[in-house]
Amino acid sequence: MNHNRIPTGIRNVLEYDGYTGELRWLKNGNIAGNVQIKKNGKQYRRVKYQQRQYSASHIAMYLYYGVRLDQGQEIDHKDGNGINNKISNLRIVSKKHQNRNHKTQKRSKTGISGVRYLSKWGKWQADIVCDGVFHYLGLFSDYFEACCARKSAQYRLGFYELHGVRHK
């Protein structure tokens, strides 16, 4: 898929409602695209146009604002829901900022990114990775203290509010 080059002709066949987030074919009024599930379980709407697949969120940004993404830019769904393409839920971010808005991994045993229990010491460890740099935040006797250390670090380092939250 070519993220950056949404064809200009797409304006002649699709309309976008920024309030509902729906893309519709002008010819018949039907909702455009299909929901596809990636290997990581995330769902996104994709639209086939002229034998190519395009991201519905990229088309939405193009139809609403007239912008195509530059190299290194991505579209972030603020609420973590890849099929919610309402304009109020979309923002253009760098890959660096996109990595600061991830939900907690399903395999997390604690429910908080960067917090784990070390049974060998009977303590909770908190850490965070930012811009490829590992930051050790400490060992804590209390789970709540470890979580607070992690959330404080997220705030200091500019992570988004929903980073590390499980999305439904």
N, C-alpha and C. Protein backbone atom coordinates (compact mmCIF):
# COMPACT_ATOMS: atom_id res chain seq x y z
N MET A 1 0.84 -1.18 0.00
CA MET A 1 0.00 0.00 0.00
C MET A 1 0.88 1.24 0.00
N ASN A 2 0.48 2.23 -0.76
CA ASN A 2 1.22 3.48 -0.81
C ASN A 2 0.48 4.53 0.01
N HIS A 3 0.95 4.76 1.25
CA HIS A 3 0.30 5.70 2.16
C HIS A 3 0.27 7.12 1.61
N ASN A 4 1.34 7.53 0.98
CA ASN A 4 1.53 8.94 0.68
C ASN A 4 0.82 9.41 -0.58
N ARG A 5 0.50 8.55 -1.46
CA ARG A 5 -0.02 8.97 -2.75
C ARG A 5 -1.47 8.57 -2.96
N ILE A 6 -2.36 9.16 -2.20
CA ILE A 6 -3.79 8.97 -2.44
C ILE A 6 -4.08 9.65 -3.78
N PRO A 7 -4.65 8.95 -4.76
CA PRO A 7 -4.90 9.56 -6.07
C PRO A 7 -5.89 10.73 -5.98
N THR A 8 -5.61 11.80 -6.71
CA THR A 8 -6.50 12.97 -6.68
C THR A 8 -7.89 12.61 -7.19
N GLY A 9 -7.98 11.66 -8.10
CA GLY A 9 -9.26 11.24 -8.67
C GLY A 9 -10.21 10.62 -7.66
N ILE A 10 -9.70 10.29 -6.49
CA ILE A 10 -10.54 9.66 -5.47
C ILE A 10 -11.64 10.62 -5.02
N ARG A 11 -11.40 11.93 -5.17
CA ARG A 11 -12.42 12.93 -4.83
C ARG A 11 -13.68 12.80 -5.71
N ASN A 12 -13.51 12.22 -6.90
CA ASN A 12 -14.62 12.09 -7.83
C ASN A 12 -15.48 10.86 -7.57
N VAL A 13 -15.02 9.98 -6.69
CA VAL A 13 -15.77 8.73 -6.46
C VAL A 13 -16.16 8.51 -5.00
N LEU A 14 -15.52 9.24 -4.07
CA LEU A 14 -15.81 9.06 -2.65
C LEU A 14 -16.17 10.39 -1.99
N GLU A 15 -17.00 10.30 -0.95
CA GLU A 15 -17.25 11.46 -0.09
C GLU A 15 -16.97 11.02 1.34
N TYR A 16 -16.57 11.98 2.15
CA TYR A 16 -16.21 11.70 3.54
C TYR A 16 -17.02 12.59 4.46
N ASP A 17 -17.61 11.99 5.49
CA ASP A 17 -18.33 12.72 6.53
C ASP A 17 -17.45 12.74 7.77
N GLY A 18 -16.86 13.88 8.06
CA GLY A 18 -15.94 13.99 9.19
C GLY A 18 -16.60 13.76 10.54
N TYR A 19 -17.90 14.00 10.63
CA TYR A 19 -18.61 13.81 11.89
C TYR A 19 -18.82 12.33 12.20
N THR A 20 -19.22 11.55 11.19
CA THR A 20 -19.45 10.11 11.41
C THR A 20 -18.22 9.28 11.12
N GLY A 21 -17.30 9.82 10.32
CA GLY A 21 -16.10 9.08 9.94
C GLY A 21 -16.32 8.14 8.77
N GLU A 22 -17.48 8.23 8.13
CA GLU A 22 -17.80 7.30 7.04
C GLU A 22 -17.32 7.82 5.69
N LEU A 23 -16.79 6.88 4.92
CA LEU A 23 -16.49 7.12 3.51
C LEU A 23 -17.58 6.43 2.72
N ARG A 24 -18.16 7.14 1.75
CA ARG A 24 -19.23 6.56 0.93
C ARG A 24 -18.91 6.76 -0.55
N TRP A 25 -19.31 5.74 -1.34
CA TRP A 25 -19.19 5.84 -2.78
C TRP A 25 -20.24 6.84 -3.28
N LEU A 26 -19.84 7.79 -4.10
CA LEU A 26 -20.77 8.78 -4.64
C LEU A 26 -21.81 8.13 -5.55
N LYS A 27 -21.39 7.09 -6.26
CA LYS A 27 -22.26 6.45 -7.26
C LYS A 27 -23.50 5.82 -6.63
N ASN A 28 -23.33 5.11 -5.50
CA ASN A 28 -24.47 4.38 -4.93
C ASN A 28 -24.74 4.69 -3.45
N GLY A 29 -23.89 5.48 -2.80
CA GLY A 29 -24.10 5.85 -1.40
C GLY A 29 -23.69 4.79 -0.39
N ASN A 30 -23.16 3.66 -0.85
CA ASN A 30 -22.74 2.60 0.06
C ASN A 30 -21.46 2.98 0.79
N ILE A 31 -21.32 2.44 2.01
CA ILE A 31 -20.08 2.65 2.77
C ILE A 31 -18.94 1.98 2.02
N ALA A 32 -17.84 2.70 1.90
CA ALA A 32 -16.68 2.21 1.15
C ALA A 32 -15.74 1.42 2.05
N GLY A 33 -15.17 0.37 1.49
CA GLY A 33 -14.12 -0.36 2.16
C GLY A 33 -14.58 -1.50 3.03
N ASN A 34 -13.58 -2.24 3.50
CA ASN A 34 -13.80 -3.39 4.37
C ASN A 34 -12.90 -3.27 5.59
N VAL A 35 -13.37 -3.84 6.69
CA VAL A 35 -12.54 -3.88 7.89
C VAL A 35 -11.59 -5.05 7.76
N GLN A 36 -10.31 -4.78 7.95
CA GLN A 36 -9.30 -5.83 7.90
C GLN A 36 -8.60 -5.90 9.25
N ILE A 37 -8.23 -7.12 9.61
CA ILE A 37 -7.56 -7.35 10.90
C ILE A 37 -6.10 -7.67 10.63
N LYS A 38 -5.21 -6.91 11.24
CA LYS A 38 -3.78 -7.16 11.10
C LYS A 38 -3.35 -8.29 12.02
N LYS A 39 -2.12 -8.75 11.85
CA LYS A 39 -1.58 -9.84 12.68
C LYS A 39 -1.61 -9.51 14.16
N ASN A 40 -1.44 -8.23 14.49
CA ASN A 40 -1.43 -7.83 15.90
C ASN A 40 -2.83 -7.67 16.47
N GLY A 41 -3.85 -7.96 15.67
CA GLY A 41 -5.24 -7.90 16.13
C GLY A 41 -5.92 -6.57 15.90
N LYS A 42 -5.17 -5.55 15.49
CA LYS A 42 -5.77 -4.24 15.26
C LYS A 42 -6.64 -4.28 14.00
N GLN A 43 -7.74 -3.54 14.05
CA GLN A 43 -8.65 -3.48 12.92
C GLN A 43 -8.58 -2.10 12.26
N TYR A 44 -8.58 -2.11 10.93
CA TYR A 44 -8.57 -0.88 10.16
C TYR A 44 -9.48 -1.04 8.96
N ARG A 45 -10.06 0.06 8.50
CA ARG A 45 -10.86 0.02 7.28
C ARG A 45 -9.95 0.34 6.10
N ARG A 46 -10.08 -0.47 5.04
CA ARG A 46 -9.28 -0.31 3.82
C ARG A 46 -10.24 -0.17 2.64
N VAL A 47 -9.86 0.65 1.69
CA VAL A 47 -10.70 0.90 0.52
C VAL A 47 -9.91 0.54 -0.73
N LYS A 48 -10.54 -0.24 -1.61
CA LYS A 48 -9.90 -0.60 -2.88
C LYS A 48 -10.35 0.40 -3.94
N TYR A 49 -9.36 1.01 -4.59
CA TYR A 49 -9.62 1.98 -5.65
C TYR A 49 -8.56 1.79 -6.73
N GLN A 50 -9.00 1.62 -7.97
CA GLN A 50 -8.10 1.40 -9.10
C GLN A 50 -7.10 0.28 -8.81
N GLN A 51 -7.60 -0.84 -8.33
CA GLN A 51 -6.83 -2.06 -8.08
C GLN A 51 -5.79 -1.94 -6.96
N ARG A 52 -5.89 -0.90 -6.16
CA ARG A 52 -4.97 -0.74 -5.02
C ARG A 52 -5.76 -0.55 -3.74
N GLN A 53 -5.14 -0.96 -2.62
CA GLN A 53 -5.74 -0.81 -1.30
C GLN A 53 -5.21 0.47 -0.65
N TYR A 54 -6.12 1.24 -0.07
CA TYR A 54 -5.74 2.46 0.64
C TYR A 54 -6.37 2.47 2.02
N SER A 55 -5.68 3.04 2.96
CA SER A 55 -6.19 3.18 4.32
C SER A 55 -7.30 4.23 4.33
N ALA A 56 -8.44 3.87 4.94
CA ALA A 56 -9.57 4.81 5.02
C ALA A 56 -9.18 6.08 5.77
N SER A 57 -8.35 5.96 6.78
CA SER A 57 -7.95 7.15 7.54
C SER A 57 -7.10 8.09 6.69
N HIS A 58 -6.28 7.54 5.80
CA HIS A 58 -5.46 8.37 4.91
C HIS A 58 -6.35 9.08 3.89
N ILE A 59 -7.34 8.34 3.38
CA ILE A 59 -8.28 8.95 2.44
C ILE A 59 -9.06 10.05 3.15
N ALA A 60 -9.49 9.78 4.37
CA ALA A 60 -10.25 10.77 5.14
C ALA A 60 -9.47 12.07 5.30
N MET A 61 -8.21 11.96 5.68
CA MET A 61 -7.38 13.16 5.85
C MET A 61 -7.22 13.91 4.53
N TYR A 62 -7.09 13.15 3.45
CA TYR A 62 -6.95 13.79 2.14
C TYR A 62 -8.23 14.51 1.74
N LEU A 63 -9.38 13.84 1.90
CA LEU A 63 -10.64 14.45 1.49
C LEU A 63 -11.03 15.62 2.38
N TYR A 64 -10.72 15.54 3.67
CA TYR A 64 -11.13 16.58 4.61
C TYR A 64 -10.19 17.79 4.59
N TYR A 65 -8.89 17.51 4.64
CA TYR A 65 -7.90 18.60 4.72
C TYR A 65 -7.13 18.85 3.42
N GLY A 66 -7.20 17.89 2.50
CA GLY A 66 -6.44 18.02 1.26
C GLY A 66 -4.96 17.72 1.43
N VAL A 67 -4.60 17.00 2.49
CA VAL A 67 -3.18 16.71 2.74
C VAL A 67 -2.86 15.24 2.51
N ARG A 68 -1.67 15.04 2.01
CA ARG A 68 -1.09 13.70 1.92
C ARG A 68 0.06 13.66 2.92
N LEU A 69 0.30 12.50 3.46
CA LEU A 69 1.35 12.38 4.48
C LEU A 69 2.73 12.49 3.87
N ASP A 70 3.62 13.14 4.60
CA ASP A 70 5.03 13.18 4.22
C ASP A 70 5.72 11.92 4.72
N GLN A 71 6.91 11.68 4.23
CA GLN A 71 7.71 10.55 4.69
C GLN A 71 7.89 10.63 6.20
N GLY A 72 7.67 9.54 6.90
CA GLY A 72 7.85 9.50 8.34
C GLY A 72 6.63 9.92 9.13
N GLN A 73 5.56 10.32 8.44
CA GLN A 73 4.33 10.68 9.14
C GLN A 73 3.35 9.51 9.14
N GLU A 74 2.53 9.46 10.17
CA GLU A 74 1.50 8.43 10.29
C GLU A 74 0.23 9.08 10.80
N ILE A 75 -0.87 8.36 10.67
CA ILE A 75 -2.13 8.83 11.24
C ILE A 75 -2.39 8.04 12.50
N ASP A 76 -2.64 8.77 13.56
CA ASP A 76 -2.94 8.17 14.86
C ASP A 76 -4.43 8.27 15.12
N HIS A 77 -5.02 7.15 15.54
CA HIS A 77 -6.40 7.15 16.01
C HIS A 77 -6.32 7.40 17.52
N LYS A 78 -6.73 8.59 17.95
CA LYS A 78 -6.55 9.01 19.34
C LYS A 78 -7.11 8.02 20.34
N ASP A 79 -8.26 7.42 20.03
CA ASP A 79 -8.89 6.50 20.97
C ASP A 79 -8.41 5.06 20.83
N GLY A 80 -7.48 4.81 19.91
CA GLY A 80 -6.94 3.47 19.72
C GLY A 80 -7.81 2.57 18.88
N ASN A 81 -8.95 3.06 18.41
CA ASN A 81 -9.87 2.27 17.60
C ASN A 81 -9.61 2.57 16.13
N GLY A 82 -8.99 1.63 15.44
CA GLY A 82 -8.58 1.83 14.05
C GLY A 82 -9.70 1.96 13.05
N ILE A 83 -10.93 1.66 13.44
CA ILE A 83 -12.05 1.84 12.51
C ILE A 83 -12.88 3.09 12.83
N ASN A 84 -12.49 3.83 13.85
CA ASN A 84 -13.14 5.10 14.17
C ASN A 84 -12.41 6.20 13.39
N ASN A 85 -12.92 6.52 12.22
CA ASN A 85 -12.27 7.50 11.35
C ASN A 85 -12.93 8.87 11.40
N LYS A 86 -13.58 9.20 12.52
CA LYS A 86 -14.12 10.55 12.70
C LYS A 86 -12.93 11.51 12.69
N ILE A 87 -13.11 12.66 12.08
CA ILE A 87 -11.99 13.61 11.96
C ILE A 87 -11.48 14.04 13.32
N SER A 88 -12.35 14.08 14.33
CA SER A 88 -11.93 14.47 15.68
C SER A 88 -11.05 13.40 16.34
N ASN A 89 -11.02 12.20 15.76
CA ASN A 89 -10.24 11.09 16.32
C ASN A 89 -8.91 10.89 15.59
N LEU A 90 -8.69 11.63 14.51
CA LEU A 90 -7.49 11.44 13.70
C LEU A 90 -6.52 12.59 13.88
N ARG A 91 -5.24 12.26 13.91
CA ARG A 91 -4.20 13.29 13.94
C ARG A 91 -2.97 12.76 13.22
N ILE A 92 -2.25 13.66 12.60
CA ILE A 92 -1.01 13.30 11.92
C ILE A 92 0.12 13.43 12.93
N VAL A 93 0.90 12.35 13.05
CA VAL A 93 2.00 12.32 14.01
C VAL A 93 3.23 11.69 13.36
N SER A 94 4.36 11.86 14.01
CA SER A 94 5.57 11.17 13.58
C SER A 94 5.54 9.75 14.15
N LYS A 95 6.38 8.89 13.62
CA LYS A 95 6.49 7.53 14.15
C LYS A 95 6.85 7.57 15.63
N LYS A 96 7.71 8.51 16.00
CA LYS A 96 8.13 8.68 17.40
C LYS A 96 6.91 8.92 18.29
N HIS A 97 6.03 9.82 17.87
CA HIS A 97 4.84 10.11 18.67
C HIS A 97 3.81 8.99 18.60
N GLN A 98 3.76 8.29 17.48
CA GLN A 98 2.84 7.16 17.37
C GLN A 98 3.19 6.09 18.40
N ASN A 99 4.47 5.90 18.64
CA ASN A 99 4.91 4.91 19.62
C ASN A 99 4.58 5.31 21.05
N ARG A 100 4.16 6.53 21.25
CA ARG A 100 3.79 7.01 22.59
C ARG A 100 2.29 6.92 22.84
N ASN A 101 1.60 6.18 21.99
CA ASN A 101 0.15 6.03 22.15
C ASN A 101 -0.27 4.59 21.88
N HIS A 102 0.43 3.65 22.50
CA HIS A 102 0.11 2.23 22.33
C HIS A 102 -0.68 1.74 23.53
N LYS A 103 -1.57 0.80 23.26
CA LYS A 103 -2.30 0.19 24.37
C LYS A 103 -1.42 -0.85 25.06
N THR A 104 -1.84 -1.27 26.23
CA THR A 104 -1.13 -2.31 26.97
C THR A 104 -1.21 -3.62 26.20
N GLN A 105 -0.11 -4.34 26.16
CA GLN A 105 -0.09 -5.64 25.49
C GLN A 105 -1.04 -6.61 26.18
N LYS A 106 -1.68 -7.48 25.39
CA LYS A 106 -2.60 -8.47 25.96
C LYS A 106 -1.88 -9.41 26.92
N ARG A 107 -0.60 -9.64 26.66
CA ARG A 107 0.15 -10.60 27.49
C ARG A 107 0.60 -10.00 28.83
N SER A 108 0.35 -8.71 29.03
CA SER A 108 0.75 -8.06 30.28
C SER A 108 0.02 -8.69 31.46
N LYS A 109 0.78 -9.11 32.44
CA LYS A 109 0.19 -9.74 33.64
C LYS A 109 -0.24 -8.70 34.66
N THR A 110 0.31 -7.49 34.58
CA THR A 110 -0.02 -6.46 35.57
C THR A 110 -1.08 -5.49 35.07
N GLY A 111 -1.26 -5.42 33.75
CA GLY A 111 -2.22 -4.47 33.19
C GLY A 111 -1.63 -3.08 32.97
N ILE A 112 -0.37 -2.88 33.33
CA ILE A 112 0.30 -1.59 33.14
C ILE A 112 1.59 -1.82 32.37
N SER A 113 1.74 -1.13 31.24
CA SER A 113 2.98 -1.24 30.47
C SER A 113 4.16 -0.82 31.34
N GLY A 114 5.24 -1.58 31.28
CA GLY A 114 6.46 -1.21 32.00
C GLY A 114 6.45 -1.47 33.48
N VAL A 115 5.48 -2.24 33.98
CA VAL A 115 5.45 -2.62 35.39
C VAL A 115 5.36 -4.13 35.47
N ARG A 116 6.28 -4.74 36.21
CA ARG A 116 6.28 -6.21 36.35
C ARG A 116 6.67 -6.59 37.77
N TYR A 117 6.21 -7.77 38.16
CA TYR A 117 6.54 -8.28 39.50
C TYR A 117 7.75 -9.19 39.40
N LEU A 118 8.76 -8.93 40.24
CA LEU A 118 9.97 -9.75 40.29
C LEU A 118 9.88 -10.62 41.53
N SER A 119 9.45 -11.85 41.35
CA SER A 119 9.21 -12.74 42.50
C SER A 119 10.50 -13.04 43.26
N LYS A 120 11.63 -13.03 42.56
CA LYS A 120 12.92 -13.30 43.21
C LYS A 120 13.18 -12.31 44.35
N TRP A 121 12.78 -11.06 44.16
CA TRP A 121 12.99 -10.03 45.18
C TRP A 121 11.71 -9.64 45.90
N GLY A 122 10.58 -10.12 45.41
CA GLY A 122 9.30 -9.76 46.01
C GLY A 122 8.98 -8.28 45.84
N LYS A 123 9.41 -7.73 44.70
CA LYS A 123 9.21 -6.29 44.45
C LYS A 123 8.66 -6.07 43.04
N TRP A 124 8.16 -4.86 42.85
CA TRP A 124 7.64 -4.43 41.56
C TRP A 124 8.68 -3.56 40.87
N GLN A 125 8.98 -3.86 39.62
CA GLN A 125 9.93 -3.04 38.85
C GLN A 125 9.15 -2.18 37.86
N ALA A 126 9.57 -0.94 37.72
CA ALA A 126 8.99 -0.03 36.73
C ALA A 126 10.10 0.46 35.80
N ASP A 127 9.79 0.51 34.51
CA ASP A 127 10.74 1.03 33.52
C ASP A 127 9.96 1.56 32.33
N ILE A 128 10.68 2.23 31.44
CA ILE A 128 10.05 2.78 30.24
C ILE A 128 11.12 2.90 29.17
N VAL A 129 10.72 2.72 27.92
CA VAL A 129 11.61 2.94 26.78
C VAL A 129 11.08 4.14 26.01
N CYS A 130 11.94 5.10 25.78
CA CYS A 130 11.56 6.31 25.05
C CYS A 130 12.65 6.64 24.04
N ASP A 131 12.27 6.78 22.79
CA ASP A 131 13.22 7.09 21.71
C ASP A 131 14.37 6.09 21.68
N GLY A 132 14.06 4.82 21.96
CA GLY A 132 15.05 3.76 21.92
C GLY A 132 15.95 3.68 23.14
N VAL A 133 15.70 4.53 24.14
CA VAL A 133 16.52 4.54 25.35
C VAL A 133 15.72 3.94 26.51
N PHE A 134 16.33 2.95 27.18
CA PHE A 134 15.71 2.28 28.32
C PHE A 134 15.93 3.12 29.57
N HIS A 135 14.85 3.39 30.30
CA HIS A 135 14.93 4.15 31.56
C HIS A 135 14.44 3.26 32.69
N TYR A 136 15.34 2.91 33.59
CA TYR A 136 14.99 2.13 34.77
C TYR A 136 14.42 3.10 35.80
N LEU A 137 13.22 2.81 36.30
CA LEU A 137 12.55 3.72 37.24
C LEU A 137 12.63 3.26 38.68
N GLY A 138 13.03 2.01 38.89
CA GLY A 138 13.23 1.54 40.25
C GLY A 138 12.46 0.29 40.62
N LEU A 139 12.77 -0.20 41.84
CA LEU A 139 12.06 -1.32 42.45
C LEU A 139 11.19 -0.77 43.56
N PHE A 140 9.98 -1.31 43.67
CA PHE A 140 9.02 -0.79 44.64
C PHE A 140 8.37 -1.94 45.40
N SER A 141 8.15 -1.74 46.68
CA SER A 141 7.46 -2.74 47.49
C SER A 141 5.97 -2.76 47.17
N ASP A 142 5.48 -1.63 46.70
CA ASP A 142 4.05 -1.47 46.48
C ASP A 142 3.74 -1.34 44.98
N TYR A 143 2.76 -2.10 44.52
CA TYR A 143 2.33 -2.07 43.11
C TYR A 143 1.91 -0.66 42.70
N PHE A 144 1.15 0.00 43.55
CA PHE A 144 0.65 1.34 43.24
C PHE A 144 1.80 2.32 43.03
N GLU A 145 2.84 2.23 43.86
CA GLU A 145 4.00 3.13 43.72
C GLU A 145 4.71 2.89 42.38
N ALA A 146 4.83 1.62 42.00
CA ALA A 146 5.47 1.29 40.72
C ALA A 146 4.65 1.87 39.56
N CYS A 147 3.33 1.73 39.64
CA CYS A 147 2.45 2.28 38.60
C CYS A 147 2.55 3.79 38.53
N CYS A 148 2.61 4.44 39.68
CA CYS A 148 2.74 5.90 39.73
C CYS A 148 4.06 6.36 39.11
N ALA A 149 5.13 5.62 39.39
CA ALA A 149 6.44 5.96 38.81
C ALA A 149 6.38 5.85 37.29
N ARG A 150 5.75 4.80 36.79
CA ARG A 150 5.64 4.60 35.35
C ARG A 150 4.78 5.70 34.72
N LYS A 151 3.63 5.98 35.29
CA LYS A 151 2.74 7.01 34.73
C LYS A 151 3.38 8.39 34.78
N SER A 152 4.12 8.68 35.84
CA SER A 152 4.83 9.97 35.95
C SER A 152 5.88 10.09 34.85
N ALA A 153 6.60 9.00 34.59
CA ALA A 153 7.61 9.01 33.53
C ALA A 153 6.95 9.21 32.17
N GLN A 154 5.82 8.56 31.94
CA GLN A 154 5.10 8.74 30.68
C GLN A 154 4.74 10.22 30.49
N TYR A 155 4.26 10.84 31.54
CA TYR A 155 3.86 12.25 31.47
C TYR A 155 5.08 13.13 31.18
N ARG A 156 6.17 12.91 31.92
CA ARG A 156 7.39 13.71 31.74
C ARG A 156 7.96 13.58 30.33
N LEU A 157 7.85 12.37 29.76
CA LEU A 157 8.46 12.10 28.45
C LEU A 157 7.52 12.40 27.28
N GLY A 158 6.34 12.90 27.57
CA GLY A 158 5.43 13.32 26.50
C GLY A 158 4.58 12.24 25.88
N PHE A 159 4.32 11.16 26.61
CA PHE A 159 3.45 10.11 26.09
C PHE A 159 2.00 10.60 26.14
N TYR A 160 1.16 10.04 25.29
CA TYR A 160 -0.25 10.41 25.29
C TYR A 160 -0.96 9.79 26.48
N GLU A 161 -2.05 10.43 26.86
CA GLU A 161 -2.80 10.02 28.05
C GLU A 161 -3.25 8.56 27.99
N LEU A 162 -3.65 8.09 26.81
CA LEU A 162 -4.16 6.72 26.69
C LEU A 162 -3.07 5.67 26.48
N HIS A 163 -1.80 6.08 26.46
CA HIS A 163 -0.73 5.10 26.31
C HIS A 163 -0.77 4.13 27.48
N GLY A 164 -0.73 2.84 27.16
CA GLY A 164 -0.72 1.83 28.21
C GLY A 164 -2.10 1.47 28.75
N VAL A 165 -3.15 2.00 28.13
CA VAL A 165 -4.52 1.68 28.55
C VAL A 165 -5.05 0.60 27.62
N ARG A 166 -5.77 -0.35 28.17
CA ARG A 166 -6.36 -1.40 27.34
C ARG A 166 -7.59 -0.83 26.65
N HIS A 167 -7.59 -0.89 25.32
CA HIS A 167 -8.74 -0.43 24.54
C HIS A 167 -9.68 -1.59 24.31
N LYS A 168 -10.95 -1.29 24.24
CA LYS A 168 -11.95 -2.34 24.00
C LYS A 168 -12.22 -2.49 22.54
